[in-house]
Protein backbone atom coordinates (compact mmCIF):
# COMPACT_ATOMS: atom_id res chain seq x y z
CA MET A 1 -115.06 -165.23 43.91
CA LEU A 2 -114.30 -168.76 42.68
CA GLU A 3 -113.63 -167.39 39.19
CA VAL A 4 -111.04 -165.02 40.62
CA LEU A 5 -109.39 -167.81 42.63
CA ALA A 6 -109.32 -169.96 39.49
CA GLU A 7 -107.37 -167.22 37.70
CA MET A 8 -105.06 -166.72 40.66
CA TYR A 9 -104.31 -170.44 40.92
CA PRO A 10 -104.53 -171.84 37.36
CA GLN A 11 -103.24 -175.30 38.38
CA ALA A 12 -105.53 -175.72 41.38
CA ASP A 13 -108.09 -178.50 41.67
CA PHE A 14 -111.59 -177.75 42.93
CA PHE A 15 -113.73 -179.73 45.37
CA ALA A 16 -117.42 -179.23 46.13
CA LEU A 17 -120.36 -180.94 47.80
CA PHE A 18 -122.55 -180.36 44.72
CA VAL A 19 -122.04 -178.95 41.24
CA ARG A 20 -124.60 -177.72 38.74
CA LYS A 21 -122.53 -177.92 35.57
CA GLU A 22 -124.98 -175.83 33.60
CA CYS A 23 -124.49 -172.99 36.10
CA LEU A 24 -120.69 -173.06 36.15
CA PRO A 25 -118.94 -169.86 35.01
CA ALA A 26 -116.98 -170.23 31.78
CA LYS A 27 -113.65 -170.02 33.62
CA LEU A 28 -114.52 -173.11 35.68
CA LYS A 29 -116.04 -175.35 33.02
CA ASN A 30 -112.71 -176.93 32.07
CA ARG A 31 -111.29 -177.20 35.59
CA LYS A 32 -111.03 -180.43 37.52
CA ILE A 33 -113.89 -180.45 40.04
CA THR A 34 -114.32 -183.35 42.46
CA THR A 35 -117.70 -183.62 44.14
CA SER A 36 -118.91 -185.47 47.23
CA PHE A 37 -121.10 -188.57 47.25
CA LEU A 38 -124.08 -186.27 47.83
CA ASP A 39 -123.78 -185.05 44.25
CA ARG A 40 -124.59 -188.55 43.02
CA ILE A 41 -127.84 -188.89 44.98
CA PRO A 42 -130.82 -188.51 42.60
CA GLY A 43 -132.57 -185.21 43.20
CA ALA A 44 -129.92 -184.02 45.67
CA LYS A 45 -129.43 -180.68 43.94
CA ARG A 46 -133.11 -179.84 44.37
CA MET A 47 -133.36 -180.86 48.02
CA TYR A 48 -129.86 -179.86 49.14
CA ARG A 49 -131.19 -177.99 52.19
CA HIS A 50 -132.73 -181.20 53.52
CA LEU A 51 -129.34 -182.93 53.28
CA LEU A 52 -127.67 -180.47 55.67
CA PRO A 53 -127.16 -183.11 58.43
CA LEU A 54 -125.02 -185.10 55.96
CA TYR A 55 -122.74 -182.20 55.03
CA PRO A 56 -120.12 -182.86 57.75
CA PHE A 57 -119.77 -186.51 56.75
CA ALA A 58 -119.69 -185.66 53.03
CA VAL A 59 -117.08 -182.92 53.32
CA GLU A 60 -114.81 -185.06 55.50
CA CYS A 61 -114.95 -187.81 52.85
CA LEU A 62 -113.35 -185.54 50.25
CA ASP A 63 -109.75 -186.69 49.76
CA LEU A 64 -107.37 -183.74 49.90
CA SER A 65 -104.23 -185.80 50.41
CA GLY A 66 -101.06 -184.39 48.91
CA TYR A 67 -102.06 -180.73 48.74
CA ASP A 68 -99.77 -178.12 50.30
CA LEU A 69 -102.31 -175.29 50.23
CA VAL A 70 -106.05 -175.67 50.79
CA ILE A 71 -108.39 -172.68 50.45
CA SER A 72 -111.97 -173.25 51.56
CA ALA A 73 -114.64 -170.74 50.55
CA ASP A 74 -117.11 -171.36 53.33
CA GLY A 75 -120.65 -170.43 54.17
CA ALA A 76 -121.67 -173.77 55.65
CA ALA A 77 -119.49 -176.87 55.82
CA THR A 78 -116.48 -176.72 53.50
CA LYS A 79 -114.21 -175.44 56.25
CA GLY A 80 -114.44 -178.96 57.71
CA VAL A 81 -112.35 -180.69 55.04
CA LEU A 82 -109.58 -182.90 56.43
CA THR A 83 -106.09 -182.00 55.21
CA ASP A 84 -102.59 -183.41 55.53
CA GLN A 85 -100.70 -182.33 58.63
CA HIS A 86 -98.23 -180.27 56.58
CA ALA A 87 -100.93 -178.53 54.51
CA LEU A 88 -101.77 -174.87 55.07
CA HIS A 89 -105.57 -174.55 55.30
CA LEU A 90 -106.96 -171.04 54.92
CA CYS A 91 -110.70 -170.39 55.10
CA TYR A 92 -112.41 -167.49 53.35
CA CYS A 93 -115.51 -167.32 55.52
CA HIS A 94 -118.64 -165.75 54.08
CA SER A 95 -120.30 -166.19 57.48
CA PRO A 96 -120.85 -168.75 60.23
CA PRO A 97 -124.16 -170.43 59.29
CA HIS A 98 -127.08 -168.28 60.40
CA SER A 99 -129.56 -171.16 60.55
CA PHE A 100 -128.08 -172.81 63.62
CA TRP A 101 -126.26 -169.88 65.22
CA ASP A 102 -127.75 -166.37 65.51
CA GLN A 103 -130.98 -166.98 63.54
CA TYR A 104 -131.73 -170.39 65.02
CA ALA A 105 -134.89 -169.22 66.81
CA ALA A 106 -136.20 -167.45 63.70
CA PHE A 107 -135.68 -170.56 61.57
CA ARG A 108 -137.51 -172.72 64.13
CA ARG A 109 -140.48 -170.34 64.21
CA GLU A 110 -141.03 -170.82 60.48
CA MET A 111 -141.12 -174.63 60.75
CA SER A 112 -143.93 -177.07 61.42
CA TRP A 113 -143.92 -178.81 64.80
CA PHE A 114 -142.56 -181.98 63.18
CA SER A 115 -139.72 -180.13 61.45
CA ARG A 116 -138.84 -178.41 64.73
CA LEU A 117 -138.71 -181.81 66.41
CA LEU A 118 -136.02 -182.90 63.94
CA PHE A 119 -134.24 -179.56 63.55
CA THR A 120 -133.52 -179.07 67.26
CA PRO A 121 -131.18 -182.06 67.84
CA VAL A 122 -129.70 -181.80 64.33
CA SER A 123 -128.79 -178.14 64.82
CA GLN A 124 -127.19 -178.92 68.18
CA TYR A 125 -125.01 -181.54 66.49
CA LEU A 126 -124.16 -179.15 63.63
CA ARG A 127 -123.13 -176.39 66.07
CA LEU A 128 -120.72 -178.75 67.82
CA TRP A 129 -119.27 -179.96 64.53
CA ASP A 130 -119.05 -176.45 63.06
CA PHE A 131 -117.14 -175.14 66.07
CA SER A 132 -114.81 -178.15 66.02
CA ALA A 133 -114.15 -177.75 62.28
CA ALA A 134 -113.29 -174.07 62.79
CA GLN A 135 -110.53 -175.00 65.23
CA ARG A 136 -108.70 -176.93 62.48
CA ILE A 137 -108.30 -173.86 60.27
CA ASP A 138 -104.80 -172.35 60.10
CA GLY A 139 -106.05 -168.90 59.14
CA PHE A 140 -109.45 -167.23 58.76
CA ILE A 141 -110.33 -164.52 56.25
CA ALA A 142 -113.63 -162.69 56.85
CA ASN A 143 -115.53 -161.01 54.03
CA SER A 144 -116.39 -158.02 56.26
CA ASP A 145 -115.86 -156.65 59.77
CA TYR A 146 -119.42 -157.78 60.49
CA VAL A 147 -118.43 -161.37 59.71
CA LYS A 148 -115.12 -160.96 61.54
CA ASN A 149 -117.09 -160.27 64.71
CA ARG A 150 -119.31 -163.29 64.07
CA ILE A 151 -116.28 -165.54 63.57
CA TRP A 152 -114.92 -164.44 66.93
CA LYS A 153 -118.27 -164.79 68.69
CA TYR A 154 -119.06 -168.30 67.48
CA TYR A 155 -115.62 -169.79 66.81
CA ARG A 156 -113.37 -167.73 69.12
CA ARG A 157 -110.96 -167.30 66.19
CA GLU A 158 -109.25 -164.16 64.98
CA SER A 159 -109.58 -163.30 61.30
CA THR A 160 -108.35 -160.86 58.66
CA VAL A 161 -110.89 -158.87 56.64
CA ILE A 162 -110.57 -159.00 52.85
CA TYR A 163 -113.69 -157.83 51.06
CA PRO A 164 -114.97 -160.01 48.18
CA PRO A 165 -113.90 -159.06 44.64
CA VAL A 166 -116.16 -156.92 42.48
CA ASP A 167 -115.25 -156.39 38.84
CA THR A 168 -115.78 -152.66 38.35
CA SER A 169 -113.98 -152.44 34.99
CA ALA A 170 -117.17 -152.57 32.88
CA ALA A 171 -119.19 -150.20 35.07
CA TYR A 172 -120.04 -146.79 33.67
CA LEU A 173 -121.77 -143.55 34.63
CA SER A 174 -125.00 -142.47 33.01
CA LYS A 175 -125.28 -138.83 31.94
CA ARG A 176 -129.01 -138.75 32.72
CA PRO A 177 -130.19 -141.38 35.22
CA ALA A 178 -133.91 -142.15 35.17
CA SER A 179 -136.37 -141.72 38.04
CA TYR A 180 -136.86 -145.38 38.99
CA TYR A 181 -135.56 -147.14 42.06
CA LEU A 182 -133.83 -150.49 41.65
CA CYS A 183 -133.78 -153.69 43.70
CA VAL A 184 -131.43 -156.55 42.77
CA GLY A 185 -131.21 -160.00 44.35
CA ARG A 186 -132.86 -163.35 44.92
CA LEU A 187 -136.52 -163.04 45.79
CA ILE A 188 -136.43 -164.73 49.19
CA ALA A 189 -137.94 -163.67 52.51
CA ALA A 190 -134.61 -162.62 54.04
CA LYS A 191 -134.11 -159.91 51.39
CA ARG A 192 -137.25 -158.05 52.65
CA VAL A 193 -138.21 -156.95 49.16
CA ASP A 194 -141.77 -156.71 50.48
CA LEU A 195 -140.78 -153.59 52.43
CA LEU A 196 -139.42 -151.91 49.31
CA ILE A 197 -142.56 -152.73 47.34
CA SER A 198 -144.86 -151.45 50.09
CA ALA A 199 -142.89 -148.22 50.46
CA CYS A 200 -142.89 -147.54 46.71
CA ASN A 201 -146.58 -148.41 46.49
CA ARG A 202 -147.42 -145.83 49.15
CA LEU A 203 -145.14 -143.14 47.72
CA GLY A 204 -146.13 -143.83 44.11
CA ARG A 205 -142.50 -144.36 43.08
CA GLU A 206 -141.39 -146.65 40.25
CA LEU A 207 -139.51 -149.71 41.46
CA ARG A 208 -137.79 -152.17 39.14
CA ILE A 209 -136.92 -155.56 40.60
CA VAL A 210 -134.16 -157.74 39.14
CA GLY A 211 -134.06 -161.39 40.18
CA VAL A 212 -136.17 -164.49 40.68
CA GLY A 213 -136.96 -166.68 43.66
CA PRO A 214 -139.61 -168.52 45.68
CA GLU A 215 -141.21 -165.29 46.98
CA GLU A 216 -141.89 -163.90 43.51
CA GLY A 217 -145.57 -164.91 43.46
CA ALA A 218 -146.33 -163.29 46.81
CA LEU A 219 -144.36 -160.17 45.87
CA ARG A 220 -146.22 -159.80 42.58
CA THR A 221 -149.49 -159.95 44.50
CA LEU A 222 -148.27 -157.18 46.80
CA ALA A 223 -146.92 -154.99 44.00
CA GLY A 224 -148.82 -152.01 42.66
CA SER A 225 -148.79 -150.62 39.12
CA SER A 226 -145.50 -148.76 39.66
CA VAL A 227 -143.55 -151.95 40.42
CA LYS A 228 -141.96 -153.91 37.55
CA PHE A 229 -140.38 -157.36 37.72
CA LEU A 230 -137.51 -157.74 35.25
CA GLY A 231 -136.48 -161.32 36.09
CA ARG A 232 -132.93 -162.36 35.23
CA LEU A 233 -130.84 -159.89 33.25
CA THR A 234 -127.66 -160.31 31.23
CA GLU A 235 -124.53 -158.64 32.56
CA SER A 236 -124.87 -155.72 30.13
CA GLU A 237 -128.58 -155.31 30.93
CA LEU A 238 -127.83 -155.28 34.66
CA LEU A 239 -125.13 -152.64 34.24
CA HIS A 240 -127.60 -150.50 32.29
CA ALA A 241 -130.17 -150.90 35.07
CA TYR A 242 -127.59 -149.91 37.70
CA ALA A 243 -126.27 -146.91 35.77
CA ASN A 244 -129.70 -145.46 35.03
CA CYS A 245 -131.50 -145.96 38.34
CA TRP A 246 -132.26 -143.09 40.70
CA ALA A 247 -130.85 -145.13 43.58
CA LEU A 248 -130.54 -148.75 44.67
CA LEU A 249 -132.89 -149.90 47.45
CA PHE A 250 -131.51 -152.56 49.78
CA ALA A 251 -133.48 -153.85 52.78
CA ALA A 252 -131.59 -157.00 53.81
CA ASP A 253 -129.33 -157.50 56.81
CA GLU A 254 -126.39 -158.78 54.75
CA ASP A 255 -122.99 -160.05 55.80
CA CYS A 256 -121.35 -157.95 53.10
CA GLY A 257 -123.66 -156.79 50.30
CA LEU A 258 -122.03 -156.97 46.88
CA VAL A 259 -125.09 -155.57 45.09
CA ALA A 260 -124.55 -152.21 46.79
CA ILE A 261 -120.95 -152.14 45.57
CA GLU A 262 -122.00 -152.98 42.01
CA ALA A 263 -124.50 -150.10 41.98
CA GLN A 264 -121.93 -147.69 43.41
CA ALA A 265 -119.49 -148.75 40.69
CA CYS A 266 -121.99 -147.13 38.30
CA GLY A 267 -122.05 -144.00 40.45
CA ARG A 268 -125.49 -144.55 41.93
CA PRO A 269 -126.39 -143.84 45.58
CA ILE A 270 -127.71 -146.51 47.95
CA ILE A 271 -130.72 -146.45 50.28
CA ALA A 272 -130.02 -149.34 52.63
CA TYR A 273 -130.91 -150.92 55.94
CA GLY A 274 -128.26 -149.54 58.28
CA ARG A 275 -127.05 -152.80 59.72
CA GLY A 276 -124.57 -155.52 58.79
CA GLY A 277 -122.23 -155.29 55.84
CA SER A 278 -124.01 -152.27 54.37
CA ARG A 279 -122.40 -150.16 57.09
CA GLU A 280 -119.03 -151.04 55.53
CA THR A 281 -119.79 -150.89 51.81
CA VAL A 282 -121.91 -147.72 51.91
CA ILE A 283 -120.80 -144.37 53.37
CA GLY A 284 -124.06 -143.17 54.89
CA MET A 285 -124.89 -139.49 55.13
CA PRO A 286 -125.43 -138.47 58.79
CA PRO A 287 -128.88 -137.50 60.14
CA GLU A 288 -127.96 -133.82 60.61
CA THR A 289 -127.67 -133.54 56.83
CA TYR A 290 -131.23 -134.82 56.46
CA ARG A 291 -132.52 -132.17 58.85
CA GLY A 292 -130.93 -129.33 56.92
CA ILE A 293 -128.27 -128.59 59.56
CA GLY A 294 -125.59 -129.40 57.03
CA ASN A 295 -127.24 -129.53 53.62
CA SER A 296 -124.00 -129.77 51.67
CA MET A 297 -120.92 -131.88 52.04
CA ASP A 298 -117.78 -130.28 53.46
CA GLY A 299 -115.54 -132.09 50.98
CA SER A 300 -113.87 -134.28 53.57
CA THR A 301 -116.26 -137.20 53.11
CA ALA A 302 -117.84 -138.42 49.89
CA PHE A 303 -121.13 -139.90 51.05
CA THR A 304 -122.55 -142.70 48.93
CA GLY A 305 -126.00 -143.30 50.42
CA VAL A 306 -128.47 -143.06 53.27
CA PHE A 307 -129.53 -145.64 55.83
CA PHE A 308 -132.88 -146.50 57.36
CA ALA A 309 -132.88 -147.71 60.95
CA GLU A 310 -135.61 -150.35 60.96
CA GLN A 311 -136.90 -153.06 58.65
CA THR A 312 -140.33 -151.45 58.37
CA THR A 313 -142.23 -149.87 55.50
CA LEU A 314 -142.34 -146.51 57.31
CA SER A 315 -138.58 -146.51 57.84
CA VAL A 316 -137.97 -147.23 54.13
CA GLU A 317 -140.45 -144.50 53.12
CA THR A 318 -138.74 -141.97 55.35
CA ALA A 319 -135.31 -142.85 53.95
CA ILE A 320 -136.55 -142.46 50.37
CA GLN A 321 -138.01 -139.03 51.17
CA ARG A 322 -134.79 -137.97 52.87
CA PHE A 323 -132.77 -139.13 49.88
CA GLU A 324 -134.95 -137.19 47.46
CA ALA A 325 -134.51 -134.05 49.56
CA ILE A 326 -130.71 -134.23 49.37
CA GLU A 327 -130.02 -136.16 46.17
CA GLY A 328 -128.01 -133.27 44.75
CA SER A 329 -125.41 -133.83 47.47
CA PHE A 330 -124.25 -137.10 45.92
CA ASN A 331 -121.36 -137.04 43.46
CA PRO A 332 -121.44 -139.99 41.03
CA VAL A 333 -117.70 -139.76 40.35
CA GLU A 334 -116.87 -139.92 44.07
CA ILE A 335 -119.33 -142.79 44.55
CA GLN A 336 -117.59 -144.68 41.75
CA LYS A 337 -114.18 -144.02 43.34
CA HIS A 338 -115.45 -145.52 46.58
CA ALA A 339 -116.60 -148.66 44.75
CA ALA A 340 -113.15 -149.02 43.19
CA THR A 341 -111.71 -149.78 46.64
CA PHE A 342 -113.54 -153.13 46.40
CA ASP A 343 -112.28 -153.96 42.90
CA THR A 344 -110.96 -157.40 41.98
CA THR A 345 -107.40 -156.07 41.72
CA VAL A 346 -107.54 -154.97 45.36
CA PHE A 347 -108.82 -158.39 46.43
CA VAL A 348 -106.10 -160.25 44.51
CA SER A 349 -103.33 -158.12 45.97
CA LYS A 350 -104.55 -158.48 49.56
CA PHE A 351 -105.34 -162.18 49.21
CA LEU A 352 -101.94 -163.13 47.77
CA SER A 353 -100.20 -161.04 50.42
CA TYR A 354 -102.19 -162.82 53.16
CA VAL A 355 -101.39 -166.29 51.78
CA SER A 356 -97.70 -165.41 51.54
CA GLN A 357 -97.65 -164.09 55.11
CA GLN A 358 -99.43 -167.16 56.48
CA SER A 359 -97.07 -169.47 54.60
CA GLU A 360 -94.02 -167.64 55.98
CA ASN A 361 -95.40 -167.75 59.52
CA ARG A 362 -96.06 -171.47 59.21
CA HIS A 363 -92.52 -172.23 58.09
CA LYS A 364 -91.10 -169.89 60.73
CA HIS A 365 -92.92 -171.68 63.54
CA SER A 366 -92.55 -175.24 62.27
CA PRO A 367 -90.86 -177.32 64.99
CA THR A 368 -87.48 -178.89 64.39
CA VAL A 369 -87.39 -182.56 65.30
CA VAL A 370 -84.11 -184.01 66.55
CA GLU A 371 -83.81 -187.76 67.03
């Protein structure tokens, strides 16, 4: 998304808590990027999670004086930047932090007793600061309805949904997709790739996994002979993997789920956990279709995938078997059309319109001072 914003605002300056210059996209390499004092701490980029208690202080130390428009792309602390009184501050919120809001208990369970001892008071402080920072925002943009509801629940702030940009221009349809299933994403516990591996092991289906992460070793141990790890792929290699897969498997409870959109841009169906952002990016075929009550589409809805109800191996297995029974019902062209509704051009149009509206409202309601 930052690349798109950089193109939309070619004169804008960028601020960040940390920057890995070697990982910057080409469009950002020559832009002015100011980082916080945390970026200058030796080893900070490796242990950034342990520096979370310092994020509020670091982000408030960033000097944004003199800017008329501030856009914060937030998933943790950047919404807390301090701006001039006249500045319009709009926050594109990826999600209120899970670690000290809705998944607080789950995070604590995974910690040692000593870590829990520290995490409990720190998370209480971070919740208070996070809520306070959210009240300073002039306008919230949510990346999905799922996140919109979270913003209201934890911040009591209204928001406008604008889905993240996905460049669908290079995507293409394959004339003869292969018979492998595909999984794309970081190999971390929250992605529940273990469920996909276990299901494909038991069904004897080929699964190709794109991505790297700390769980890779454990997942390789779990994987059977039909599971292949592809590591990192180039953009063209990833598009080829999308276009030629039987379907994309997606087991995470995501706030939005861009991977599912990317696969649909290549006309491929999705088998996803039916919760979170997947309910918005994938048009799931209803259960009566699975049971043969309605084994063909009526033309009014172009379904793009199937959902499984639980994060269990059995639930994933059942969804795969249901998909294979009705795979002929999916139209790659219609799936691709659905993905186009999330294209970058749609994002740019909606985002600029929102900024313009917020700017007009601000000027309209600015008080007149008479001395």
